[in-house]
Amino acid sequence: MSNPSAPEPTSFESPENIESTESFDAILSQYERTHSRRSGEGGKQIAGTVVAVSADSVFVDIGYKTEGVLPLTLFQSAGETVEVGSKLQVSVKGRNEEGYYELSRMRVEQPKDWSALEKAFADKAVIVGTVTGVVKGGLTVDVGVRAFMPGSRSGARDAAEMEKLVGQEIRCRIIKLDATEEDVVVDRRAVAEEEDRATKDRRYAEIREGDLVSGTVRSVTDYGAFVDIGGVDGLLHISDISWARVEKPADVLTVGQQVDAKVLKVEAAGKRISLGMKQLLAHPWDAVAGKYSAGERVRGAVTRVTDFGAFVELEPGVEGMVHISEMSWVKKVRKPADLVKPGDVVEVMILGVSVAERRMSLGLKQTLGDPWVDAAEKFSVGSQVEGPVTSFTKFGAFVQVAEGVEGMIHVSEISAEKRVERPQDVLRVGQVVKTKVLDVDKEKRQIKLSMKQLVPTGLDEYIAEHHDGDLVTGRLIEVSGDHGTVELGEGIRARAGLVVEGAVKEEAKSGAPDLSSFSSMLAARWKNGPSAAEAKAEPVRVGQIRSFRITLLDRETKKVEVRLV
């Protein structure tokens, strides 16, 4: 293959035209070609100097009129660096179609006779041969004589690879030799494996932790990628590909891709090399101190969810954690996965940053606003609210009165008609109920509610039907000095003054005795019996049914007071 940057080969005449175009250049060129192939100098080592390097070839000055050429991959696979001026030891294999000498770095010669073959067989030496064709079961190889190489010992994986070996110079070892039958069998695979092991051993010995290497991605797995770094593989673990979280190595790497990496660890005994790509870049946390601060609102993507919270990536390599307790004002979160999932983009507040530990605590609920801030104003004592029942405890039921705000109805405040033992006996989750606010504690985030105090009672009806000054009848159920308790109806009780109404007033009016009035009173008593006024003088006792006058009727506090008449 021609290369614009390569030196032009010197042209030469064909053997048929040598006599007609007799020249020193043509004769020398013809000699070099035939000499390298037939005179046995193909195995001779020659000192050469690299004069050019192209995308796929290395051109070497070997002292001949025309340069020699080596494949660049020969150096890349060995992890060697080659440049103009490099000194090499090579041997000439032949001439290619473009006129360049084909070179080899092999240090062995092709046997020239049976005695040389027998010696190579006895020494188990490596020899050079040229694959000449594909036959049944394997390949034919020219090693000075015609030899057979079984397909299983060729190192080729399939028939296509075997076809590609035809015409190539190979290194092999004689594994069977019968001079009488002229039967020679060679093995390329064993030599290739030995050389591969030797190359790997040399590379393992050369590579050091901290080295910067270039390589080719050979395979990609779920946990990383294997990179060929000059004859040996290094593992690029998924966690060392990028500072950003990588879910699948195949998302960022492809087979055949050229990558630069840093050697993180070498285990020569176990033949293991660990590589890292992200270590070639500055750590993102190095810039966090001046970039993020507590109280700041930021956006990020949820990368993973655990039982205790969720991790949010603010930028590649910089993550913070939202603890389960910082996720919602609304309810107690039992599973973070119920609120967020990987891939969700969320707004969070930075609660704290520790650059030394490379940790950041985040809050999700803080960006939503605290609904308890104005709870006391929104849910004033005595106001009516309604909402769905969210859960039960042994002592009551919780009701959501607003987004993020719950109140509790104690079991004693559920019904005025009957005693409730278990709140779930009369309520169900999701049921919307109307309640009255009894108390609000913003600091403790508690609201006490009542259902029964919104249900009209006999007292409500009694207050609605009466007014201050009304005469009513009631039964004394308690007497204590000048006061007592009177039952005005079923469940309706009032504080009663037991000093007869007007008694003090009448006594105050009587200064000097009125004899005419007294005479009239006696006459009436003899004629009609005791008067109503005299009946009032009857001592009060528990159980009496007496007449009273309403002296206080407070509809707000539902308080009733009366006085005996």
Protein backbone atom coordinates (compact mmCIF):
# COMPACT_ATOMS: atom_id res chain seq x y z
CA MET A 1 0.00 0.00 0.00
CA SER A 2 1.42 3.36 -1.03
CA ASN A 3 1.95 6.13 1.46
CA PRO A 4 2.46 9.80 0.54
CA SER A 5 4.78 10.41 3.47
CA ALA A 6 6.91 7.36 2.83
CA PRO A 7 10.13 7.55 0.82
CA GLU A 8 9.76 6.52 -2.79
CA PRO A 9 11.33 3.12 -3.61
CA THR A 10 13.99 2.99 -6.28
CA SER A 11 12.64 1.49 -9.52
CA PHE A 12 14.35 -1.50 -11.11
CA GLU A 13 14.21 -3.32 -14.39
CA SER A 14 12.79 -6.79 -14.87
CA PRO A 15 15.23 -9.66 -15.49
CA GLU A 16 14.25 -9.78 -19.18
CA ASN A 17 15.41 -6.20 -19.74
CA ILE A 18 18.64 -6.28 -17.71
CA GLU A 19 20.82 -6.82 -20.80
CA SER A 20 19.11 -4.10 -22.86
CA THR A 21 19.12 -1.55 -20.07
CA GLU A 22 22.42 -2.43 -18.56
CA SER A 23 22.93 -0.08 -15.62
CA PHE A 24 24.48 -0.31 -12.17
CA ASP A 25 21.22 0.63 -10.41
CA ALA A 26 19.22 -2.09 -12.16
CA ILE A 27 21.83 -4.74 -11.53
CA LEU A 28 22.07 -3.79 -7.83
CA SER A 29 18.31 -3.76 -7.37
CA GLN A 30 17.93 -7.18 -9.01
CA TYR A 31 20.75 -8.56 -6.87
CA GLU A 32 19.24 -7.30 -3.63
CA ARG A 33 15.89 -8.90 -4.44
CA THR A 34 17.21 -12.31 -5.43
CA HIS A 35 19.91 -12.26 -2.78
CA SER A 36 17.49 -11.68 0.07
CA ARG A 37 15.30 -14.55 -1.02
CA ARG A 38 17.69 -17.19 -2.30
CA SER A 39 21.13 -16.69 -0.91
CA GLY A 40 20.04 -17.36 2.65
CA GLU A 41 20.55 -13.81 3.92
CA GLY A 42 16.86 -13.52 4.81
CA GLY A 43 17.66 -14.55 8.36
CA LYS A 44 20.68 -12.29 8.75
CA GLN A 45 20.28 -9.44 11.24
CA ILE A 46 20.81 -5.97 9.81
CA ALA A 47 21.13 -2.70 11.72
CA GLY A 48 18.56 -0.20 10.47
CA THR A 49 17.45 3.36 11.20
CA VAL A 50 13.82 4.56 11.12
CA VAL A 51 13.46 7.30 8.48
CA ALA A 52 9.65 7.74 8.42
CA VAL A 53 6.52 6.68 10.29
CA SER A 54 3.11 6.68 8.60
CA ALA A 55 -0.35 5.81 9.84
CA ASP A 56 0.29 2.09 9.39
CA SER A 57 3.96 1.54 8.48
CA VAL A 58 7.50 2.18 9.72
CA PHE A 59 10.16 2.82 7.03
CA VAL A 60 13.72 1.76 7.81
CA ASP A 61 17.04 2.57 6.14
CA ILE A 62 18.89 -0.78 5.99
CA GLY A 63 21.82 0.37 3.85
CA TYR A 64 20.23 -0.80 0.62
CA LYS A 65 19.21 1.52 -2.17
CA THR A 66 15.55 1.02 -1.21
CA GLU A 67 14.16 1.29 2.31
CA GLY A 68 12.56 -1.55 4.21
CA VAL A 69 9.12 -1.49 5.81
CA LEU A 70 7.62 -2.88 9.03
CA PRO A 71 3.95 -2.80 10.14
CA LEU A 72 3.32 -0.11 12.79
CA THR A 73 1.04 -2.56 14.66
CA LEU A 74 4.11 -4.64 15.42
CA PHE A 75 5.33 -1.88 17.74
CA GLN A 76 1.88 -0.92 19.08
CA SER A 77 1.05 -4.47 20.16
CA ALA A 78 4.37 -4.64 22.01
CA GLY A 79 3.75 -1.27 23.66
CA GLU A 80 6.87 0.21 22.04
CA THR A 81 7.31 3.76 20.86
CA VAL A 82 8.98 4.19 17.49
CA GLU A 83 10.05 7.48 15.91
CA VAL A 84 12.37 8.84 13.26
CA GLY A 85 15.95 8.06 14.25
CA SER A 86 15.14 4.89 16.22
CA LYS A 87 17.68 2.08 15.74
CA LEU A 88 16.37 -1.42 14.93
CA GLN A 89 17.74 -4.91 14.29
CA VAL A 90 15.87 -6.43 11.34
CA SER A 91 16.17 -9.11 8.66
CA VAL A 92 14.98 -8.99 5.05
CA LYS A 93 12.07 -11.24 4.09
CA GLY A 94 11.53 -10.11 0.51
CA ARG A 95 10.08 -7.30 -1.60
CA ASN A 96 6.50 -6.06 -1.61
CA GLU A 97 4.43 -4.88 -4.58
CA GLU A 98 5.54 -1.29 -4.10
CA GLY A 99 9.19 -2.18 -4.21
CA TYR A 100 10.00 -1.80 -0.50
CA TYR A 101 11.88 -4.52 1.32
CA GLU A 102 9.66 -6.46 3.67
CA LEU A 103 11.44 -6.66 6.99
CA SER A 104 11.18 -8.89 10.03
CA ARG A 105 12.39 -8.39 13.57
CA MET A 106 12.63 -12.15 14.06
CA ARG A 107 16.05 -13.42 15.02
CA VAL A 108 15.76 -16.93 13.58
CA GLU A 109 16.63 -18.29 10.16
CA GLN A 110 14.79 -20.69 7.95
CA PRO A 111 16.43 -24.14 7.89
CA LYS A 112 18.16 -24.89 4.57
CA ASP A 113 18.51 -28.71 4.73
CA TRP A 114 17.37 -31.82 6.58
CA SER A 115 20.28 -31.72 9.01
CA ALA A 116 19.24 -28.23 10.09
CA LEU A 117 15.65 -29.40 10.47
CA GLU A 118 16.75 -32.38 12.59
CA LYS A 119 18.78 -30.12 14.84
CA ALA A 120 15.87 -27.68 15.24
CA PHE A 121 13.56 -30.61 16.07
CA ALA A 122 15.98 -32.00 18.64
CA ASP A 123 16.51 -28.56 20.25
CA LYS A 124 12.80 -27.71 20.11
CA ALA A 125 13.96 -24.49 18.50
CA VAL A 126 11.72 -21.88 16.95
CA ILE A 127 12.08 -21.67 13.16
CA VAL A 128 10.66 -19.46 10.43
CA GLY A 129 8.34 -20.75 7.73
CA THR A 130 6.02 -19.39 5.10
CA VAL A 131 2.42 -20.59 4.84
CA THR A 132 1.88 -21.73 1.26
CA GLY A 133 -1.69 -23.02 1.20
CA VAL A 134 -4.78 -24.48 2.85
CA VAL A 135 -5.24 -28.25 2.70
CA LYS A 136 -7.62 -30.69 4.31
CA GLY A 137 -7.17 -30.53 8.07
CA GLY A 138 -4.71 -27.66 8.10
CA LEU A 139 -2.09 -25.71 6.17
CA THR A 140 1.11 -26.35 4.21
CA VAL A 141 4.20 -24.50 5.35
CA ASP A 142 7.55 -23.98 3.58
CA VAL A 143 10.28 -24.47 6.18
CA GLY A 144 12.95 -25.37 3.60
CA VAL A 145 10.90 -28.46 2.85
CA ARG A 146 7.14 -28.87 2.63
CA ALA A 147 5.63 -29.24 6.12
CA PHE A 148 2.10 -29.73 7.42
CA MET A 149 0.50 -27.64 10.16
CA PRO A 150 -2.78 -29.01 11.66
CA GLY A 151 -5.55 -26.42 11.85
CA SER A 152 -5.76 -26.89 15.62
CA ARG A 153 -2.08 -25.89 15.91
CA SER A 154 -2.31 -22.87 13.62
CA GLY A 155 -3.66 -20.50 16.27
CA ALA A 156 -6.50 -19.54 13.90
CA ARG A 157 -10.01 -19.56 15.30
CA ASP A 158 -11.83 -20.42 12.08
CA ALA A 159 -11.36 -21.15 8.38
CA ALA A 160 -11.37 -17.46 7.47
CA GLU A 161 -8.41 -16.77 9.76
CA MET A 162 -6.59 -19.78 8.32
CA GLU A 163 -7.03 -18.35 4.82
CA LYS A 164 -5.45 -15.08 5.96
CA LEU A 165 -2.30 -16.93 7.04
CA VAL A 166 -1.52 -17.97 3.47
CA GLY A 167 1.54 -16.05 2.27
CA GLN A 168 2.53 -14.95 5.75
CA GLU A 169 5.84 -15.69 7.40
CA ILE A 170 5.28 -17.44 10.73
CA ARG A 171 7.28 -18.63 13.68
CA CYS A 172 6.73 -22.27 14.52
CA ARG A 173 8.28 -25.35 16.11
CA ILE A 174 8.74 -28.83 14.58
CA ILE A 175 6.67 -31.36 16.54
CA LYS A 176 7.19 -34.33 14.19
CA LEU A 177 10.05 -35.14 11.81
CA ASP A 178 10.53 -38.25 9.63
CA ALA A 179 13.33 -37.66 7.17
CA THR A 180 12.74 -41.00 5.44
CA GLU A 181 9.12 -40.25 4.71
CA GLU A 182 9.90 -36.54 4.37
CA ASP A 183 7.12 -35.98 6.85
CA VAL A 184 7.36 -32.73 8.85
CA VAL A 185 4.63 -31.37 11.17
CA VAL A 186 4.91 -27.92 12.71
CA ASP A 187 3.10 -26.04 15.49
CA ARG A 188 2.52 -22.29 15.39
CA ARG A 189 0.02 -22.05 18.24
CA ALA A 190 2.43 -23.19 20.97
CA VAL A 191 5.06 -20.69 19.85
CA ALA A 192 2.49 -17.88 19.69
CA GLU A 193 1.24 -18.70 23.19
CA GLU A 194 4.78 -18.79 24.57
CA GLU A 195 5.62 -15.47 22.94
CA ASP A 196 2.36 -14.00 24.17
CA ARG A 197 3.19 -15.08 27.74
CA ALA A 198 6.68 -13.70 27.40
CA THR A 199 5.31 -10.40 26.10
CA LYS A 200 2.84 -10.20 28.95
CA ASP A 201 5.46 -11.04 31.55
CA ARG A 202 7.67 -8.31 30.14
CA ARG A 203 4.80 -5.81 30.14
CA TYR A 204 3.77 -6.71 33.69
CA ALA A 205 7.37 -6.13 34.76
CA GLU A 206 7.53 -2.79 32.94
CA ILE A 207 4.23 -1.26 34.08
CA ARG A 208 4.21 0.68 37.32
CA GLU A 209 1.45 2.22 39.40
CA GLY A 210 0.93 5.82 38.36
CA ASP A 211 2.01 5.24 34.73
CA LEU A 212 -0.01 6.96 32.03
CA VAL A 213 -0.88 4.53 29.24
CA SER A 214 -2.80 4.46 25.99
CA GLY A 215 -4.77 1.46 24.89
CA THR A 216 -7.62 0.00 22.90
CA VAL A 217 -10.92 -1.11 24.40
CA ARG A 218 -11.03 -4.86 23.78
CA SER A 219 -14.34 -5.72 25.43
CA VAL A 220 -17.10 -4.03 27.45
CA THR A 221 -18.95 -5.65 30.36
CA ASP A 222 -21.59 -4.56 32.87
CA TYR A 223 -18.91 -3.78 35.44
CA GLY A 224 -16.35 -2.06 33.22
CA ALA A 225 -14.10 -2.56 30.18
CA PHE A 226 -10.91 -4.46 29.35
CA VAL A 227 -8.29 -2.34 27.65
CA ASP A 228 -5.32 -3.71 25.67
CA ILE A 229 -2.28 -1.67 26.72
CA GLY A 230 0.38 -3.27 24.56
CA GLY A 231 -0.10 -7.01 24.87
CA VAL A 232 -1.73 -7.11 28.29
CA ASP A 233 -5.24 -6.24 29.43
CA GLY A 234 -6.09 -3.75 32.14
CA LEU A 235 -9.50 -3.56 33.81
CA LEU A 236 -11.17 -0.17 33.69
CA HIS A 237 -13.81 -0.53 36.39
CA ILE A 238 -17.15 1.25 35.92
CA SER A 239 -16.45 3.41 38.98
CA ASP A 240 -13.16 4.66 37.46
CA ILE A 241 -14.47 5.62 34.02
CA SER A 242 -15.79 9.06 34.96
CA TRP A 243 -16.38 11.29 37.99
CA ALA A 244 -20.00 11.33 36.84
CA ARG A 245 -22.04 8.26 37.72
CA VAL A 246 -22.00 5.73 34.86
CA GLU A 247 -24.91 3.31 34.76
CA LYS A 248 -23.64 1.23 31.84
CA PRO A 249 -20.04 1.23 30.53
CA ALA A 250 -21.44 0.62 27.03
CA ASP A 251 -23.04 4.08 27.20
CA VAL A 252 -19.61 5.76 27.14
CA LEU A 253 -17.19 3.17 25.70
CA THR A 254 -17.10 1.08 22.52
CA VAL A 255 -14.92 -1.82 21.40
CA GLY A 256 -11.95 -0.52 19.41
CA GLN A 257 -12.02 2.92 21.04
CA GLN A 258 -8.62 4.42 21.88
CA VAL A 259 -8.42 5.66 25.47
CA ASP A 260 -5.88 7.22 27.81
CA ALA A 261 -5.75 5.97 31.37
CA LYS A 262 -3.73 5.90 34.55
CA VAL A 263 -2.40 2.69 36.08
CA LEU A 264 -4.02 2.47 39.52
CA LYS A 265 -2.74 -0.89 40.67
CA VAL A 266 -0.53 -3.73 39.39
CA GLU A 267 -0.72 -7.27 40.73
CA ALA A 268 2.09 -9.00 38.88
CA ALA A 269 1.48 -12.30 40.68
CA GLY A 270 -2.17 -12.37 39.73
CA LYS A 271 -1.55 -10.74 36.34
CA ARG A 272 -4.02 -7.99 37.10
CA ILE A 273 -3.83 -4.33 36.19
CA SER A 274 -6.40 -1.75 37.31
CA LEU A 275 -6.87 1.36 35.18
CA GLY A 276 -8.66 4.66 35.69
CA MET A 277 -9.75 7.31 33.22
CA LYS A 278 -11.30 9.77 35.65
CA GLN A 279 -8.00 10.04 37.55
CA LEU A 280 -6.60 12.01 34.60
CA LEU A 281 -9.10 14.78 35.34
CA ALA A 282 -9.36 17.17 38.30
CA HIS A 283 -11.74 16.03 41.03
CA PRO A 284 -15.02 18.00 40.83
CA TRP A 285 -15.06 18.40 44.63
CA ASP A 286 -11.94 20.56 44.43
CA ALA A 287 -14.13 23.45 43.25
CA VAL A 288 -17.12 22.81 45.54
CA ALA A 289 -16.03 25.10 48.41
CA GLY A 290 -16.44 28.27 46.40
CA LYS A 291 -19.37 27.06 44.37
CA TYR A 292 -22.01 25.76 46.80
CA SER A 293 -23.12 27.06 50.18
CA ALA A 294 -25.74 26.17 52.82
CA GLY A 295 -29.17 27.67 52.19
CA GLU A 296 -28.74 27.74 48.43
CA ARG A 297 -31.37 26.19 46.17
CA VAL A 298 -30.05 23.96 43.40
CA ARG A 299 -31.34 21.44 40.88
CA GLY A 300 -30.04 17.95 40.25
CA ALA A 301 -30.90 14.45 39.07
CA VAL A 302 -31.66 11.58 41.41
CA THR A 303 -28.98 8.92 40.82
CA ARG A 304 -29.99 6.25 43.32
CA VAL A 305 -32.51 5.64 46.07
CA THR A 306 -31.80 3.78 49.31
CA ASP A 307 -33.83 2.86 52.40
CA PHE A 308 -32.60 5.96 54.21
CA GLY A 309 -32.77 8.57 51.46
CA ALA A 310 -31.86 9.54 47.90
CA PHE A 311 -28.67 10.74 46.24
CA VAL A 312 -28.87 13.75 43.93
CA GLU A 313 -26.11 14.64 41.44
CA LEU A 314 -25.66 18.41 41.16
CA GLU A 315 -22.91 18.10 38.54
CA PRO A 316 -20.71 15.23 37.29
CA GLY A 317 -18.91 13.85 40.32
CA VAL A 318 -20.69 16.00 42.92
CA GLU A 319 -23.52 14.31 44.79
CA GLY A 320 -25.50 15.17 47.87
CA MET A 321 -27.91 13.11 49.94
CA VAL A 322 -31.50 13.89 50.86
CA HIS A 323 -32.21 12.06 54.12
CA ILE A 324 -35.63 10.47 54.46
CA SER A 325 -36.48 12.96 57.23
CA GLU A 326 -35.88 15.89 54.86
CA MET A 327 -38.21 14.74 52.11
CA SER A 328 -41.68 15.91 53.05
CA TRP A 329 -43.63 18.12 55.41
CA VAL A 330 -46.83 16.38 54.42
CA LYS A 331 -46.37 12.97 55.96
CA LYS A 332 -43.86 10.64 57.49
CA VAL A 333 -42.05 9.04 54.57
CA ARG A 334 -41.47 5.33 55.08
CA LYS A 335 -39.94 4.57 51.68
CA PRO A 336 -38.00 7.23 49.73
CA ALA A 337 -38.88 5.34 46.55
CA ASP A 338 -42.51 6.37 47.09
CA LEU A 339 -41.52 10.00 46.41
CA VAL A 340 -38.57 9.93 43.99
CA LYS A 341 -36.91 7.55 41.55
CA PRO A 342 -33.59 7.52 39.65
CA GLY A 343 -33.64 10.01 36.80
CA ASP A 344 -36.03 12.48 38.47
CA VAL A 345 -34.83 16.09 38.29
CA VAL A 346 -35.59 17.79 41.60
CA GLU A 347 -35.02 21.14 43.29
CA VAL A 348 -33.31 20.83 46.67
CA MET A 349 -31.85 23.09 49.32
CA ILE A 350 -28.26 22.69 50.50
CA LEU A 351 -28.35 22.08 54.26
CA GLY A 352 -24.64 21.51 54.81
CA VAL A 353 -21.34 21.01 52.92
CA SER A 354 -18.23 19.14 54.11
CA VAL A 355 -15.50 19.47 51.48
CA ALA A 356 -13.02 17.46 53.56
CA GLU A 357 -15.38 14.46 53.66
CA ARG A 358 -16.80 15.22 50.21
CA ARG A 359 -20.31 15.11 51.59
CA MET A 360 -23.31 17.34 51.10
CA SER A 361 -26.64 17.14 52.91
CA LEU A 362 -29.70 18.27 50.98
CA GLY A 363 -33.35 18.94 51.78
CA LEU A 364 -36.29 18.38 49.46
CA LYS A 365 -39.08 19.61 51.71
CA GLN A 366 -37.37 22.97 52.33
CA THR A 367 -38.02 24.01 48.73
CA LEU A 368 -41.73 23.37 49.14
CA GLY A 369 -42.25 25.79 52.06
CA ASP A 370 -43.20 24.89 55.64
CA PRO A 371 -47.02 24.76 55.90
CA TRP A 372 -46.81 25.08 59.70
CA VAL A 373 -45.40 28.61 59.55
CA ASP A 374 -48.85 30.23 59.43
CA ALA A 375 -50.85 27.33 60.89
CA ALA A 376 -51.92 29.30 63.97
CA GLU A 377 -53.42 32.05 61.79
CA LYS A 378 -55.04 29.70 59.29
CA PHE A 379 -56.51 27.35 61.89
CA SER A 380 -57.51 29.56 64.78
CA VAL A 381 -59.04 28.06 67.91
CA GLY A 382 -62.82 27.68 67.52
CA SER A 383 -62.73 27.64 63.71
CA GLN A 384 -64.20 24.81 61.70
CA VAL A 385 -62.05 22.70 59.32
CA GLU A 386 -62.60 19.56 57.36
CA GLY A 387 -60.37 16.97 55.74
CA PRO A 388 -59.83 13.26 55.15
CA VAL A 389 -58.89 10.81 57.88
CA THR A 390 -55.30 9.71 57.16
CA SER A 391 -54.48 7.23 59.95
CA PHE A 392 -55.44 5.89 63.36
CA THR A 393 -53.77 5.42 66.72
CA LYS A 394 -55.09 3.79 69.87
CA PHE A 395 -56.11 7.17 71.23
CA GLY A 396 -57.55 8.89 68.18
CA ALA A 397 -57.55 9.66 64.46
CA PHE A 398 -55.41 11.98 62.33
CA VAL A 399 -57.07 14.31 59.85
CA GLN A 400 -55.32 16.23 57.06
CA VAL A 401 -56.61 19.77 57.32
CA ALA A 402 -54.21 21.18 54.68
CA GLU A 403 -51.27 20.06 52.54
CA GLY A 404 -48.63 19.08 55.06
CA VAL A 405 -50.76 19.81 58.14
CA GLU A 406 -52.52 17.16 60.19
CA GLY A 407 -54.66 17.47 63.29
CA MET A 408 -55.74 14.81 65.77
CA ILE A 409 -59.20 14.00 67.08
CA HIS A 410 -58.91 12.37 70.48
CA VAL A 411 -61.16 9.36 70.92
CA SER A 412 -63.14 11.29 73.55
CA GLU A 413 -63.88 14.07 71.02
CA ILE A 414 -65.35 11.86 68.30
CA SER A 415 -68.95 11.43 69.51
CA ALA A 416 -71.21 13.07 72.13
CA GLU A 417 -73.85 10.34 71.87
CA LYS A 418 -71.80 7.31 72.89
CA ARG A 419 -68.47 6.26 74.30
CA VAL A 420 -66.05 5.33 71.51
CA GLU A 421 -63.46 2.68 72.36
CA ARG A 422 -61.63 2.52 69.01
CA PRO A 423 -61.67 5.37 66.47
CA GLN A 424 -61.76 2.95 63.53
CA ASP A 425 -65.11 1.63 64.81
CA VAL A 426 -66.82 4.83 63.66
CA LEU A 427 -64.34 6.30 61.13
CA ARG A 428 -62.43 5.01 58.09
CA VAL A 429 -59.28 6.16 56.30
CA GLY A 430 -60.16 8.60 53.53
CA GLN A 431 -63.45 9.67 55.13
CA VAL A 432 -63.88 13.45 55.05
CA VAL A 433 -64.96 14.82 58.42
CA LYS A 434 -65.83 18.25 59.79
CA THR A 435 -64.10 19.26 63.00
CA LYS A 436 -63.63 22.15 65.37
CA VAL A 437 -60.14 23.44 66.25
CA LEU A 438 -59.56 23.17 70.01
CA ASP A 439 -55.85 24.02 70.20
CA VAL A 440 -52.83 24.78 67.94
CA ASP A 441 -49.20 24.23 68.98
CA LYS A 442 -46.96 25.43 66.12
CA GLU A 443 -43.73 24.45 67.87
CA LYS A 444 -44.83 20.86 68.42
CA ARG A 445 -46.69 20.84 65.09
CA GLN A 446 -49.89 19.66 66.76
CA ILE A 447 -53.54 20.62 66.29
CA LYS A 448 -56.28 19.25 68.53
CA LEU A 449 -59.64 18.74 66.87
CA SER A 450 -63.14 17.76 67.94
CA MET A 451 -66.04 16.31 66.04
CA LYS A 452 -68.56 16.10 68.82
CA GLN A 453 -68.42 19.80 69.59
CA LEU A 454 -69.86 20.57 66.15
CA VAL A 455 -72.88 18.29 66.67
CA PRO A 456 -75.94 20.10 68.15
CA THR A 457 -76.86 18.89 71.70
CA GLY A 458 -79.81 19.34 74.07
CA LEU A 459 -77.98 22.30 75.63
CA ASP A 460 -77.66 23.96 72.20
CA GLU A 461 -81.36 23.60 71.61
CA TYR A 462 -82.23 24.82 75.15
CA ILE A 463 -80.07 27.93 74.75
CA ALA A 464 -81.62 28.60 71.34
CA GLU A 465 -85.19 28.43 72.79
CA HIS A 466 -84.65 30.59 75.94
CA HIS A 467 -83.62 34.11 76.91
CA ASP A 468 -82.31 35.95 79.94
CA GLY A 469 -85.13 36.53 82.51
CA ASP A 470 -87.25 33.50 81.46
CA LEU A 471 -88.94 31.57 84.29
CA VAL A 472 -88.07 27.88 84.11
CA THR A 473 -88.56 24.78 86.22
CA GLY A 474 -85.74 22.51 87.33
CA ARG A 475 -84.76 19.77 89.77
CA LEU A 476 -82.11 20.45 92.40
CA ILE A 477 -79.36 17.85 92.16
CA GLU A 478 -76.79 19.51 94.40
CA VAL A 479 -77.02 22.03 97.26
CA SER A 480 -74.08 23.81 98.84
CA GLY A 481 -74.87 26.84 100.97
CA ASP A 482 -76.43 29.62 98.93
CA HIS A 483 -75.65 27.87 95.62
CA GLY A 484 -76.36 24.60 93.96
CA THR A 485 -76.74 22.77 90.68
CA VAL A 486 -80.05 22.39 88.98
CA GLU A 487 -81.00 20.09 86.10
CA LEU A 488 -83.18 21.99 83.63
CA GLY A 489 -83.56 19.06 81.23
CA GLU A 490 -81.80 15.85 80.18
CA GLY A 491 -78.09 16.58 80.26
CA ILE A 492 -78.71 20.33 80.80
CA ARG A 493 -77.28 21.65 84.03
CA ALA A 494 -76.99 25.18 85.39
CA ARG A 495 -75.47 26.92 88.37
CA ALA A 496 -78.25 28.12 90.66
CA GLY A 497 -78.39 30.85 93.26
CA LEU A 498 -80.56 29.54 96.15
CA VAL A 499 -81.36 32.88 97.83
CA VAL A 500 -84.98 33.51 96.95
CA GLU A 501 -85.29 36.25 94.38
CA GLY A 502 -86.47 39.53 95.97
CA ALA A 503 -85.95 38.39 99.60
CA VAL A 504 -83.17 40.85 100.26
CA LYS A 505 -85.07 43.57 98.55
CA GLU A 506 -88.27 43.03 100.61
CA GLU A 507 -86.34 42.95 103.85
CA ALA A 508 -84.60 46.15 102.99
CA LYS A 509 -87.94 47.86 102.32
CA SER A 510 -89.50 46.89 105.70
CA GLY A 511 -88.51 49.63 108.11
CA ALA A 512 -91.34 50.15 110.65
CA PRO A 513 -94.00 47.41 110.81
CA ASP A 514 -97.19 48.08 108.83
CA LEU A 515 -99.91 46.90 111.14
CA SER A 516 -102.67 47.31 108.58
CA SER A 517 -100.82 45.04 106.10
CA PHE A 518 -100.09 42.49 108.78
CA SER A 519 -103.84 42.38 109.75
CA SER A 520 -104.77 41.85 106.12
CA MET A 521 -102.18 38.99 105.80
CA LEU A 522 -103.55 37.17 108.85
CA ALA A 523 -107.10 37.47 107.57
CA ALA A 524 -106.08 36.03 104.23
CA ARG A 525 -104.16 33.17 105.85
CA TRP A 526 -107.15 32.14 107.95
CA LYS A 527 -109.37 32.31 104.93
CA ASN A 528 -107.16 30.82 102.09
CA GLY A 529 -104.28 29.02 103.76
CA PRO A 530 -100.50 29.84 103.20
CA SER A 531 -99.73 32.30 100.40
CA ALA A 532 -97.22 31.84 97.56
CA ALA A 533 -94.70 34.04 99.33
CA GLU A 534 -94.84 31.78 102.34
CA ALA A 535 -94.21 28.77 100.09
CA LYS A 536 -90.93 30.32 99.09
CA ALA A 537 -89.78 30.09 102.61
CA GLU A 538 -89.77 26.27 102.38
CA PRO A 539 -86.15 25.03 102.88
CA VAL A 540 -84.40 23.86 99.66
CA ARG A 541 -83.21 20.29 99.42
CA VAL A 542 -81.88 17.90 96.80
CA GLY A 543 -84.62 16.43 94.68
CA GLN A 544 -87.00 19.40 94.89
CA ILE A 545 -88.58 20.68 91.73
CA ARG A 546 -88.58 24.44 91.98
CA SER A 547 -89.01 27.50 89.83
CA PHE A 548 -85.99 29.51 88.69
CA ARG A 549 -85.31 32.61 86.65
CA ILE A 550 -82.50 32.61 84.01
CA THR A 551 -79.92 35.19 85.02
CA LEU A 552 -77.17 34.31 82.48
CA LEU A 553 -77.39 32.70 79.03
CA ASP A 554 -74.01 32.72 77.23
CA ARG A 555 -74.32 31.20 73.78
CA GLU A 556 -70.55 31.25 73.09
CA THR A 557 -69.44 29.39 76.20
CA LYS A 558 -72.76 27.50 76.47
CA LYS A 559 -73.11 28.59 80.08
CA VAL A 560 -76.45 28.94 81.92
CA GLU A 561 -77.05 30.41 85.38
CA VAL A 562 -80.38 30.68 87.26
CA ARG A 563 -81.75 32.00 90.60
CA LEU A 564 -84.46 30.46 92.79
CA VAL A 565 -87.80 32.28 92.70
